[in-house]
C-alpha atoms as a PDB file:
ATOM      1  CA  MET A   1      50.839 -74.147 -20.473  1.00  0.00           C
ATOM      2  CA  GLY A   2      53.209 -72.526 -17.928  1.00  0.00           C
ATOM      3  CA  ARG A   3      52.570 -68.770 -16.749  1.00  0.00           C
ATOM      4  CA  LEU A   4      54.634 -67.425 -19.315  1.00  0.00           C
ATOM      5  CA  ALA A   5      53.675 -68.789 -21.965  1.00  0.00           C
ATOM      6  CA  ARG A   6      50.132 -67.957 -21.351  1.00  0.00           C
ATOM      7  CA  SER A   7      50.824 -64.361 -20.570  1.00  0.00           C
ATOM      8  CA  TYR A   8      52.098 -63.984 -24.156  1.00  0.00           C
ATOM      9  CA  ALA A   9      49.625 -66.024 -25.873  1.00  0.00           C
ATOM     10  CA  LEU A  10      47.329 -63.947 -24.030  1.00  0.00           C
ATOM     11  CA  PHE A  11      49.107 -61.100 -25.474  1.00  0.00           C
ATOM     12  CA  VAL A  12      49.176 -62.075 -28.683  1.00  0.00           C
ATOM     13  CA  ALA A  13      45.582 -63.287 -28.767  1.00  0.00           C
ATOM     14  CA  SER A  14      45.040 -59.639 -27.834  1.00  0.00           C
ATOM     15  CA  PHE A  15      46.784 -58.455 -30.205  1.00  0.00           C
ATOM     16  CA  ARG A  16      45.118 -60.246 -33.407  1.00  0.00           C
ATOM     17  CA  VAL A  17      42.038 -58.568 -32.554  1.00  0.00           C
ATOM     18  CA  LEU A  18      43.858 -55.108 -32.428  1.00  0.00           C
ATOM     19  CA  ARG A  19      45.141 -55.775 -35.720  1.00  0.00           C
ATOM     20  CA  ALA A  20      41.627 -56.956 -37.133  1.00  0.00           C
ATOM     21  CA  HIS A  21      40.268 -53.666 -35.477  1.00  0.00           C
ATOM     22  CA  LYS A  22      42.413 -50.812 -35.535  1.00  0.00           C
ATOM     23  CA  ALA A  23      40.137 -47.851 -34.427  1.00  0.00           C
ATOM     24  CA  LEU A  24      40.010 -49.450 -30.780  1.00  0.00           C
ATOM     25  CA  ALA A  25      43.221 -47.672 -30.473  1.00  0.00           C
ATOM     26  CA  TRP A  26      41.908 -44.371 -30.762  1.00  0.00           C
ATOM     27  CA  PHE A  27      40.266 -44.363 -27.688  1.00  0.00           C
ATOM     28  CA  PRO A  28      43.866 -43.667 -25.750  1.00  0.00           C
ATOM     29  CA  VAL A  29      44.942 -41.316 -28.117  1.00  0.00           C
ATOM     30  CA  LEU A  30      41.406 -39.379 -27.470  1.00  0.00           C
ATOM     31  CA  ALA A  31      42.140 -40.264 -23.497  1.00  0.00           C
ATOM     32  CA  GLY A  32      45.248 -38.316 -24.109  1.00  0.00           C
ATOM     33  CA  ILE A  33      43.993 -35.693 -25.817  1.00  0.00           C
ATOM     34  CA  ALA A  34      41.050 -35.358 -23.198  1.00  0.00           C
ATOM     35  CA  GLY A  35      43.573 -35.444 -20.089  1.00  0.00           C
ATOM     36  CA  LEU A  36      45.925 -32.430 -21.591  1.00  0.00           C
ATOM     37  CA  LEU A  37      42.985 -30.259 -22.096  1.00  0.00           C
ATOM     38  CA  VAL A  38      41.338 -31.061 -18.681  1.00  0.00           C
ATOM     39  CA  ALA A  39      44.978 -29.933 -17.449  1.00  0.00           C
ATOM     40  CA  ALA A  40      44.969 -26.955 -19.305  1.00  0.00           C
ATOM     41  CA  ALA A  41      41.831 -26.074 -17.868  1.00  0.00           C
ATOM     42  CA  PHE A  42      42.044 -26.776 -14.111  1.00  0.00           C
ATOM     43  CA  LEU A  43      45.900 -26.114 -13.730  1.00  0.00           C
ATOM     44  CA  THR A  44      46.255 -22.846 -15.397  1.00  0.00           C
ATOM     45  CA  PRO A  45      43.744 -21.227 -12.819  1.00  0.00           C
ATOM     46  CA  ALA A  46      44.660 -23.243 -10.005  1.00  0.00           C
ATOM     47  CA  PHE A  47      48.396 -21.610 -10.394  1.00  0.00           C
ATOM     48  CA  PHE A  48      47.215 -17.747 -10.715  1.00  0.00           C
ATOM     49  CA  THR A  49      44.880 -18.236  -7.738  1.00  0.00           C
ATOM     50  CA  ALA A  50      47.956 -19.457  -5.692  1.00  0.00           C
ATOM     51  CA  HIS A  51      49.716 -16.907  -3.554  1.00  0.00           C
ATOM     52  CA  VAL A  52      53.444 -16.831  -4.683  1.00  0.00           C
ATOM     53  CA  GLY A  53      55.919 -14.615  -3.244  1.00  0.00           C
ATOM     54  CA  SER A  54      59.569 -15.258  -2.453  1.00  0.00           C
ATOM     55  CA  GLY A  55      60.099 -17.805  -4.146  1.00  0.00           C
ATOM     56  CA  ASP A  56      57.176 -19.929  -2.196  1.00  0.00           C
ATOM     57  CA  VAL A  57      53.776 -21.009  -3.659  1.00  0.00           C
ATOM     58  CA  ARG A  58      50.594 -20.970  -0.588  1.00  0.00           C
ATOM     59  CA  PRO A  59      47.943 -22.797  -2.159  1.00  0.00           C
ATOM     60  CA  GLY A  60      44.606 -20.770  -1.207  1.00  0.00           C
ATOM     61  CA  VAL A  61      41.179 -22.797  -1.312  1.00  0.00           C
ATOM     62  CA  GLY A  62      40.431 -21.999  -4.435  1.00  0.00           C
ATOM     63  CA  THR A  63      43.593 -23.434  -5.564  1.00  0.00           C
ATOM     64  CA  TRP A  64      42.667 -26.628  -3.000  1.00  0.00           C
ATOM     65  CA  VAL A  65      39.072 -26.749  -4.933  1.00  0.00           C
ATOM     66  CA  LEU A  66      40.428 -26.471  -8.216  1.00  0.00           C
ATOM     67  CA  LEU A  67      43.139 -29.156  -7.800  1.00  0.00           C
ATOM     68  CA  ALA A  68      40.373 -31.756  -6.065  1.00  0.00           C
ATOM     69  CA  ALA A  69      38.390 -31.087  -9.572  1.00  0.00           C
ATOM     70  CA  PHE A  70      40.904 -31.653 -11.571  1.00  0.00           C
ATOM     71  CA  TYR A  71      42.163 -35.413 -10.069  1.00  0.00           C
ATOM     72  CA  VAL A  72      38.458 -36.279 -10.062  1.00  0.00           C
ATOM     73  CA  ALA A  73      38.160 -34.701 -13.555  1.00  0.00           C
ATOM     74  CA  SER A  74      41.657 -36.736 -14.933  1.00  0.00           C
ATOM     75  CA  ALA A  75      40.228 -39.787 -13.435  1.00  0.00           C
ATOM     76  CA  PHE A  76      37.024 -39.596 -15.097  1.00  0.00           C
ATOM     77  CA  VAL A  77      38.937 -39.163 -18.444  1.00  0.00           C
ATOM     78  CA  THR A  78      40.727 -42.630 -17.858  1.00  0.00           C
ATOM     79  CA  VAL A  79      37.348 -44.421 -17.026  1.00  0.00           C
ATOM     80  CA  PHE A  80      35.074 -43.033 -19.620  1.00  0.00           C
ATOM     81  CA  PHE A  81      37.896 -43.525 -22.515  1.00  0.00           C
ATOM     82  CA  ASN A  82      38.426 -47.492 -21.139  1.00  0.00           C
ATOM     83  CA  ALA A  83      34.587 -47.984 -21.118  1.00  0.00           C
ATOM     84  CA  ALA A  84      34.423 -46.552 -24.540  1.00  0.00           C
ATOM     85  CA  LEU A  85      37.421 -49.000 -25.461  1.00  0.00           C
ATOM     86  CA  ILE A  86      35.735 -51.760 -23.692  1.00  0.00           C
ATOM     87  CA  SER A  87      32.438 -51.700 -24.894  1.00  0.00           C
ATOM     88  CA  GLN A  88      33.761 -51.471 -28.776  1.00  0.00           C
ATOM     89  CA  ALA A  89      36.440 -54.323 -27.665  1.00  0.00           C
ATOM     90  CA  ASP A  90      33.532 -56.222 -26.942  1.00  0.00           C
ATOM     91  CA  VAL A  91      31.960 -56.049 -30.240  1.00  0.00           C
ATOM     92  CA  ALA A  92      34.949 -57.186 -31.900  1.00  0.00           C
ATOM     93  CA  LEU A  93      35.210 -60.033 -29.496  1.00  0.00           C
ATOM     94  CA  ARG A  94      31.107 -61.275 -30.299  1.00  0.00           C
ATOM     95  CA  GLY A  95      32.573 -62.329 -33.714  1.00  0.00           C
ATOM     96  CA  ASP A  96      29.113 -61.801 -35.313  1.00  0.00           C
ATOM     97  CA  GLY A  97      30.028 -59.442 -37.545  1.00  0.00           C
ATOM     98  CA  GLY A  98      29.820 -56.078 -35.811  1.00  0.00           C
ATOM     99  CA  LEU A  99      32.494 -53.589 -36.918  1.00  0.00           C
ATOM    100  CA  PRO A 100      34.003 -51.459 -33.509  1.00  0.00           C
ATOM    101  CA  SER A 101      33.792 -47.544 -33.792  1.00  0.00           C
ATOM    102  CA  VAL A 102      34.688 -44.647 -32.290  1.00  0.00           C
ATOM    103  CA  GLY A 103      31.146 -43.034 -32.078  1.00  0.00           C
ATOM    104  CA  ALA A 104      29.504 -46.053 -30.783  1.00  0.00           C
ATOM    105  CA  GLY A 105      32.028 -46.466 -28.282  1.00  0.00           C
ATOM    106  CA  LEU A 106      31.517 -42.815 -26.944  1.00  0.00           C
ATOM    107  CA  ALA A 107      28.015 -43.201 -27.236  1.00  0.00           C
ATOM    108  CA  ALA A 108      27.964 -46.044 -24.823  1.00  0.00           C
ATOM    109  CA  ALA A 109      30.256 -44.809 -22.578  1.00  0.00           C
ATOM    110  CA  GLY A 110      27.801 -41.341 -22.469  1.00  0.00           C
ATOM    111  CA  ARG A 111      24.944 -43.510 -21.812  1.00  0.00           C
ATOM    112  CA  ARG A 112      26.841 -44.726 -18.494  1.00  0.00           C
ATOM    113  CA  TRP A 113      28.547 -41.873 -17.439  1.00  0.00           C
ATOM    114  CA  PRO A 114      26.763 -41.366 -13.767  1.00  0.00           C
ATOM    115  CA  SER A 115      28.095 -44.756 -12.955  1.00  0.00           C
ATOM    116  CA  LEU A 116      31.697 -44.000 -14.605  1.00  0.00           C
ATOM    117  CA  LEU A 117      31.578 -40.660 -12.513  1.00  0.00           C
ATOM    118  CA  GLY A 118      31.140 -42.049  -9.258  1.00  0.00           C
ATOM    119  CA  TRP A 119      33.700 -45.173 -10.230  1.00  0.00           C
ATOM    120  CA  ALA A 120      36.058 -42.066 -11.040  1.00  0.00           C
ATOM    121  CA  ALA A 121      35.654 -40.369  -7.800  1.00  0.00           C
ATOM    122  CA  ILE A 122      36.315 -43.833  -6.031  1.00  0.00           C
ATOM    123  CA  THR A 123      39.783 -44.636  -7.749  1.00  0.00           C
ATOM    124  CA  ALA A 124      40.566 -41.153  -7.290  1.00  0.00           C
ATOM    125  CA  THR A 125      40.003 -41.335  -3.500  1.00  0.00           C
ATOM    126  CA  VAL A 126      41.430 -44.582  -3.371  1.00  0.00           C
ATOM    127  CA  THR A 127      45.020 -43.543  -5.391  1.00  0.00           C
ATOM    128  CA  LEU A 128      44.872 -40.371  -2.956  1.00  0.00           C
ATOM    129  CA  VAL A 129      44.714 -42.306   0.335  1.00  0.00           C
ATOM    130  CA  MET A 130      47.891 -44.775  -0.742  1.00  0.00           C
ATOM    131  CA  ARG A 131      49.757 -41.550  -1.989  1.00  0.00           C
ATOM    132  CA  THR A 132      49.374 -40.302   1.152  1.00  0.00           C
ATOM    133  CA  LEU A 133      50.180 -43.229   3.140  1.00  0.00           C
ATOM    134  CA  GLU A 134      53.658 -43.652   1.400  1.00  0.00           C
ATOM    135  CA  GLU A 135      54.568 -39.937   1.580  1.00  0.00           C
ATOM    136  CA  ARG A 136      53.233 -40.145   5.671  1.00  0.00           C
ATOM    137  CA  LEU A 137      54.776 -43.652   6.480  1.00  0.00           C
ATOM    138  CA  GLY A 138      57.977 -44.232   3.950  1.00  0.00           C
ATOM    139  CA  PHE A 139      58.734 -47.714   3.254  1.00  0.00           C
ATOM    140  CA  LEU A 140      56.239 -48.628   5.665  1.00  0.00           C
ATOM    141  CA  GLY A 141      53.202 -47.002   3.819  1.00  0.00           C
ATOM    142  CA  GLN A 142      55.025 -47.544   0.557  1.00  0.00           C
ATOM    143  CA  LEU A 143      54.306 -51.623   1.410  1.00  0.00           C
ATOM    144  CA  VAL A 144      50.938 -51.428   2.578  1.00  0.00           C
ATOM    145  CA  SER A 145      50.153 -49.162  -0.164  1.00  0.00           C
ATOM    146  CA  GLY A 146      51.302 -51.437  -2.514  1.00  0.00           C
ATOM    147  CA  LEU A 147      49.858 -54.517  -0.720  1.00  0.00           C
ATOM    148  CA  ILE A 148      46.102 -52.437  -1.106  1.00  0.00           C
ATOM    149  CA  GLY A 149      46.801 -51.028  -4.379  1.00  0.00           C
ATOM    150  CA  LEU A 150      46.809 -55.183  -5.369  1.00  0.00           C
ATOM    151  CA  ALA A 151      44.014 -56.220  -3.457  1.00  0.00           C
ATOM    152  CA  TRP A 152      42.119 -53.256  -4.906  1.00  0.00           C
ATOM    153  CA  GLN A 153      43.218 -53.883  -8.345  1.00  0.00           C
ATOM    154  CA  LEU A 154      42.495 -58.028  -8.755  1.00  0.00           C
ATOM    155  CA  THR A 155      38.757 -57.554  -6.499  1.00  0.00           C
ATOM    156  CA  THR A 156      37.908 -54.662  -9.105  1.00  0.00           C
ATOM    157  CA  TYR A 157      39.627 -55.785 -12.046  1.00  0.00           C
ATOM    158  CA  LEU A 158      36.074 -56.430 -14.080  1.00  0.00           C
ATOM    159  CA  VAL A 159      33.825 -53.478 -12.768  1.00  0.00           C
ATOM    160  CA  LEU A 160      34.163 -51.549 -15.671  1.00  0.00           C
ATOM    161  CA  PRO A 161      33.209 -54.478 -18.141  1.00  0.00           C
ATOM    162  CA  PHE A 162      30.025 -54.266 -15.964  1.00  0.00           C
ATOM    163  CA  VAL A 163      29.069 -51.257 -15.740  1.00  0.00           C
ATOM    164  CA  VAL A 164      29.849 -50.289 -19.274  1.00  0.00           C
ATOM    165  CA  LEU A 165      28.042 -53.519 -20.757  1.00  0.00           C
ATOM    166  CA  GLU A 166      25.610 -54.941 -18.280  1.00  0.00           C
ATOM    167  CA  GLY A 167      24.618 -51.112 -17.051  1.00  0.00           C
ATOM    168  CA  THR A 168      25.077 -52.230 -13.451  1.00  0.00           C
ATOM    169  CA  GLY A 169      25.773 -49.708 -10.752  1.00  0.00           C
ATOM    170  CA  VAL A 170      29.351 -49.060  -9.103  1.00  0.00           C
ATOM    171  CA  ARG A 171      28.073 -50.847  -6.091  1.00  0.00           C
ATOM    172  CA  ASP A 172      26.753 -53.761  -7.707  1.00  0.00           C
ATOM    173  CA  GLY A 173      29.474 -53.845 -10.407  1.00  0.00           C
ATOM    174  CA  VAL A 174      32.290 -53.613  -7.512  1.00  0.00           C
ATOM    175  CA  LYS A 175      30.338 -56.603  -5.669  1.00  0.00           C
ATOM    176  CA  ARG A 176      29.901 -58.988  -8.835  1.00  0.00           C
ATOM    177  CA  SER A 177      33.816 -58.130  -9.868  1.00  0.00           C
ATOM    178  CA  ALA A 178      34.786 -59.492  -6.324  1.00  0.00           C
ATOM    179  CA  GLU A 179      32.279 -62.573  -6.124  1.00  0.00           C
ATOM    180  CA  LEU A 180      34.025 -63.736  -9.060  1.00  0.00           C
ATOM    181  CA  PHE A 181      37.493 -63.360  -7.861  1.00  0.00           C
ATOM    182  CA  ARG A 182      36.657 -65.035  -4.457  1.00  0.00           C
ATOM    183  CA  ARG A 183      35.111 -68.094  -6.684  1.00  0.00           C
ATOM    184  CA  THR A 184      38.499 -67.931  -8.428  1.00  0.00           C
ATOM    185  CA  TRP A 185      41.883 -67.368  -7.051  1.00  0.00           C
ATOM    186  CA  GLY A 186      42.377 -65.051 -10.563  1.00  0.00           C
ATOM    187  CA  GLU A 187      45.834 -64.805 -12.298  1.00  0.00           C
ATOM    188  CA  ASN A 188      43.508 -62.277 -13.838  1.00  0.00           C
ATOM    189  CA  VAL A 189      46.286 -59.923 -14.466  1.00  0.00           C
ATOM    190  CA  ALA A 190      48.500 -62.911 -16.471  1.00  0.00           C
ATOM    191  CA  GLY A 191      47.460 -61.032 -19.553  1.00  0.00           C
ATOM    192  CA  ASN A 192      48.239 -57.688 -18.439  1.00  0.00           C
ATOM    193  CA  ALA A 193      51.454 -59.165 -16.874  1.00  0.00           C
ATOM    194  CA  GLY A 194      52.579 -60.353 -20.481  1.00  0.00           C
ATOM    195  CA  ILE A 195      51.433 -57.507 -22.031  1.00  0.00           C
ATOM    196  CA  GLY A 196      53.450 -54.730 -19.582  1.00  0.00           C
ATOM    197  CA  LEU A 197      56.381 -56.639 -20.227  1.00  0.00           C
ATOM    198  CA  VAL A 198      56.384 -56.123 -23.679  1.00  0.00           C
ATOM    199  CA  GLY A 199      55.426 -52.678 -23.660  1.00  0.00           C
ATOM    200  CA  PHE A 200      58.265 -52.262 -21.568  1.00  0.00           C
ATOM    201  CA  LEU A 201      60.960 -53.867 -23.794  1.00  0.00           C
ATOM    202  CA  LEU A 202      59.463 -51.898 -26.583  1.00  0.00           C
ATOM    203  CA  SER A 203      59.993 -48.641 -24.762  1.00  0.00           C
ATOM    204  CA  LEU A 204      63.916 -49.926 -23.375  1.00  0.00           C
ATOM    205  CA  VAL A 205      64.324 -50.840 -26.890  1.00  0.00           C
ATOM    206  CA  GLY A 206      62.739 -47.555 -28.214  1.00  0.00           C
ATOM    207  CA  TYR A 207      64.761 -45.113 -26.423  1.00  0.00           C
ATOM    208  CA  ALA A 208      68.053 -47.511 -26.644  1.00  0.00           C
ATOM    209  CA  VAL A 209      67.699 -47.091 -30.663  1.00  0.00           C
ATOM    210  CA  PHE A 210      66.951 -43.410 -30.665  1.00  0.00           C
ATOM    211  CA  LEU A 211      69.352 -41.901 -28.022  1.00  0.00           C
ATOM    212  CA  GLY A 212      72.051 -44.673 -29.279  1.00  0.00           C
ATOM    213  CA  ALA A 213      71.503 -42.874 -32.451  1.00  0.00           C
ATOM    214  CA  GLY A 214      71.424 -39.812 -31.356  1.00  0.00           C
ATOM    215  CA  PHE A 215      74.803 -39.940 -29.530  1.00  0.00           C
ATOM    216  CA  LEU A 216      76.735 -41.688 -32.279  1.00  0.00           C
ATOM    217  CA  LEU A 217      75.701 -39.408 -34.684  1.00  0.00           C
ATOM    218  CA  GLY A 218      76.482 -36.229 -33.045  1.00  0.00           C
ATOM    219  CA  GLY A 219      75.447 -32.339 -32.604  1.00  0.00           C
ATOM    220  CA  THR A 220      72.981 -31.289 -30.235  1.00  0.00           C
ATOM    221  CA  ALA A 221      70.072 -30.774 -32.161  1.00  0.00           C
ATOM    222  CA  THR A 222      70.510 -34.198 -33.189  1.00  0.00           C
ATOM    223  CA  VAL A 223      70.271 -35.284 -29.539  1.00  0.00           C
ATOM    224  CA  PHE A 224      67.372 -33.638 -29.213  1.00  0.00           C
ATOM    225  CA  VAL A 225      65.728 -34.976 -32.261  1.00  0.00           C
ATOM    226  CA  CYS A 226      66.795 -38.077 -31.233  1.00  0.00           C
ATOM    227  CA  VAL A 227      65.100 -37.092 -27.716  1.00  0.00           C
ATOM    228  CA  GLY A 228      62.148 -36.134 -28.920  1.00  0.00           C
ATOM    229  CA  LEU A 229      61.438 -39.591 -31.154  1.00  0.00           C
ATOM    230  CA  ALA A 230      61.912 -41.334 -28.246  1.00  0.00           C
ATOM    231  CA  ILE A 231      59.174 -39.676 -26.420  1.00  0.00           C
ATOM    232  CA  VAL A 232      56.629 -40.234 -29.126  1.00  0.00           C
ATOM    233  CA  TRP A 233      57.709 -43.898 -29.575  1.00  0.00           C
ATOM    234  CA  THR A 234      56.803 -44.420 -25.752  1.00  0.00           C
ATOM    235  CA  LEU A 235      53.312 -42.507 -26.169  1.00  0.00           C
ATOM    236  CA  LEU A 236      52.761 -45.142 -29.121  1.00  0.00           C
ATOM    237  CA  VAL A 237      53.997 -47.809 -26.533  1.00  0.00           C
ATOM    238  CA  ALA A 238      51.514 -46.512 -24.058  1.00  0.00           C
ATOM    239  CA  VAL A 239      48.518 -46.083 -26.452  1.00  0.00           C
ATOM    240  CA  PHE A 240      49.268 -50.238 -27.970  1.00  0.00           C
ATOM    241  CA  THR A 241      49.553 -51.608 -24.482  1.00  0.00           C
ATOM    242  CA  THR A 242      46.517 -49.618 -23.411  1.00  0.00           C
ATOM    243  CA  THR A 243      44.262 -50.745 -26.624  1.00  0.00           C
ATOM    244  CA  LEU A 244      45.743 -54.356 -25.638  1.00  0.00           C
ATOM    245  CA  SER A 245      45.027 -54.128 -22.096  1.00  0.00           C
ATOM    246  CA  GLY A 246      41.623 -53.009 -22.505  1.00  0.00           C
ATOM    247  CA  ILE A 247      40.866 -56.201 -25.094  1.00  0.00           C
ATOM    248  CA  TYR A 248      42.055 -58.599 -22.461  1.00  0.00           C
ATOM    249  CA  GLN A 249      39.906 -57.295 -19.889  1.00  0.00           C
ATOM    250  CA  THR A 250      37.175 -57.471 -21.922  1.00  0.00           C
ATOM    251  CA  ALA A 251      37.756 -60.946 -22.991  1.00  0.00           C
ATOM    252  CA  LEU A 252      38.305 -61.877 -19.422  1.00  0.00           C
ATOM    253  CA  TYR A 253      35.377 -60.640 -18.473  1.00  0.00           C
ATOM    254  CA  ARG A 254      33.354 -62.679 -21.271  1.00  0.00           C
ATOM    255  CA  TYR A 255      34.809 -65.892 -20.058  1.00  0.00           C
ATOM    256  CA  ALA A 256      34.257 -65.034 -16.321  1.00  0.00           C
ATOM    257  CA  ALA A 257      30.598 -63.606 -16.498  1.00  0.00           C
ATOM    258  CA  ASP A 258      29.570 -66.026 -19.418  1.00  0.00           C
ATOM    259  CA  GLY A 259      31.975 -69.134 -19.537  1.00  0.00           C
ATOM    260  CA  VAL A 260      32.458 -67.986 -22.900  1.00  0.00           C
ATOM    261  CA  VAL A 261      35.780 -67.854 -24.947  1.00  0.00           C
ATOM    262  CA  PRO A 262      36.159 -65.166 -27.323  1.00  0.00           C
ATOM    263  CA  GLY A 263      37.168 -66.691 -30.841  1.00  0.00           C
ATOM    264  CA  GLU A 264      40.969 -65.431 -31.050  1.00  0.00           C
ATOM    265  CA  PHE A 265      41.502 -66.844 -27.457  1.00  0.00           C
ATOM    266  CA  ALA A 266      40.396 -70.395 -28.434  1.00  0.00           C
ATOM    267  CA  SER A 267      43.197 -71.640 -28.459  1.00  0.00           C
ATOM    268  CA  ILE A 268      44.379 -71.141 -25.366  1.00  0.00           C
ATOM    269  CA  ASP A 269      43.901 -72.150 -21.896  1.00  0.00           C
ATOM    270  CA  PHE A 270      41.897 -69.601 -21.093  1.00  0.00           C
ATOM    271  CA  ALA A 271      40.351 -71.536 -17.771  1.00  0.00           C
ATOM    272  CA  GLY A 272      44.146 -71.495 -16.636  1.00  0.00           C
ATOM    273  CA  ALA A 273      44.137 -67.528 -16.370  1.00  0.00           C
ATOM    274  CA  PHE A 274      42.073 -68.585 -13.164  1.00  0.00           C
ATOM    275  CA  ARG A 275      43.155 -70.965 -10.491  1.00  0.00           C
ATOM    276  CA  ALA A 276      40.446 -72.562  -8.112  1.00  0.00           C
ATOM    277  CA  ARG A 277      41.069 -71.986  -4.303  1.00  0.00           C
END
């Protein structure tokens, strides 16, 4: 099975799991809502603690503290709900008749919150360092940041499943994820490549349809409505692809850690998601 065919097959298998367990899609939705609440809680007071005058904004110490807290809190929201999604994707993939639920997912993530907070702080720091490199070094910084980001993504791809499903600490989770990567020259993002491509195409088609309809029908109000529909469509696609990514990540973890291929992926050359060194 070729790389593109495998990516598409992994996308289809993940979609079958989502179609059978639609409750999994609630986790990205809740993450979005929680992210908005966190932004309101931190950015509003940050604005009022900044010194605004003559068109210039000069952040004070309190502003920087609030922005740093917002950065970590936002990362924690993402990590927390991804962990909740993974916990319930694992329930769906076991094939023992268990049914995923939002409450069980939130409870599972809640039991691991100290480790998840630590992982959120680490990921936020790494992201901030890469952005700083991009801003300070220009094109060279973008190149270095891209290479670091790719290496980071590959070696830490399975950290969250280890933390939420096995209860390991962040250090052990990073170590085990890196060990699996070293043992296998992994195309462990093959499924995500397929999911990302499908998401991009769906977004592109949605914008083409809605914006095209708006300009063809004419009228300012109609154009604004169509733009709004295009934005909503993009959000729905984001929920869809995020859920599929969590399902695929969990399935890949089960194969990498236990050698078990979940039933929905049984028809795929799942071993091909890894390439021996």
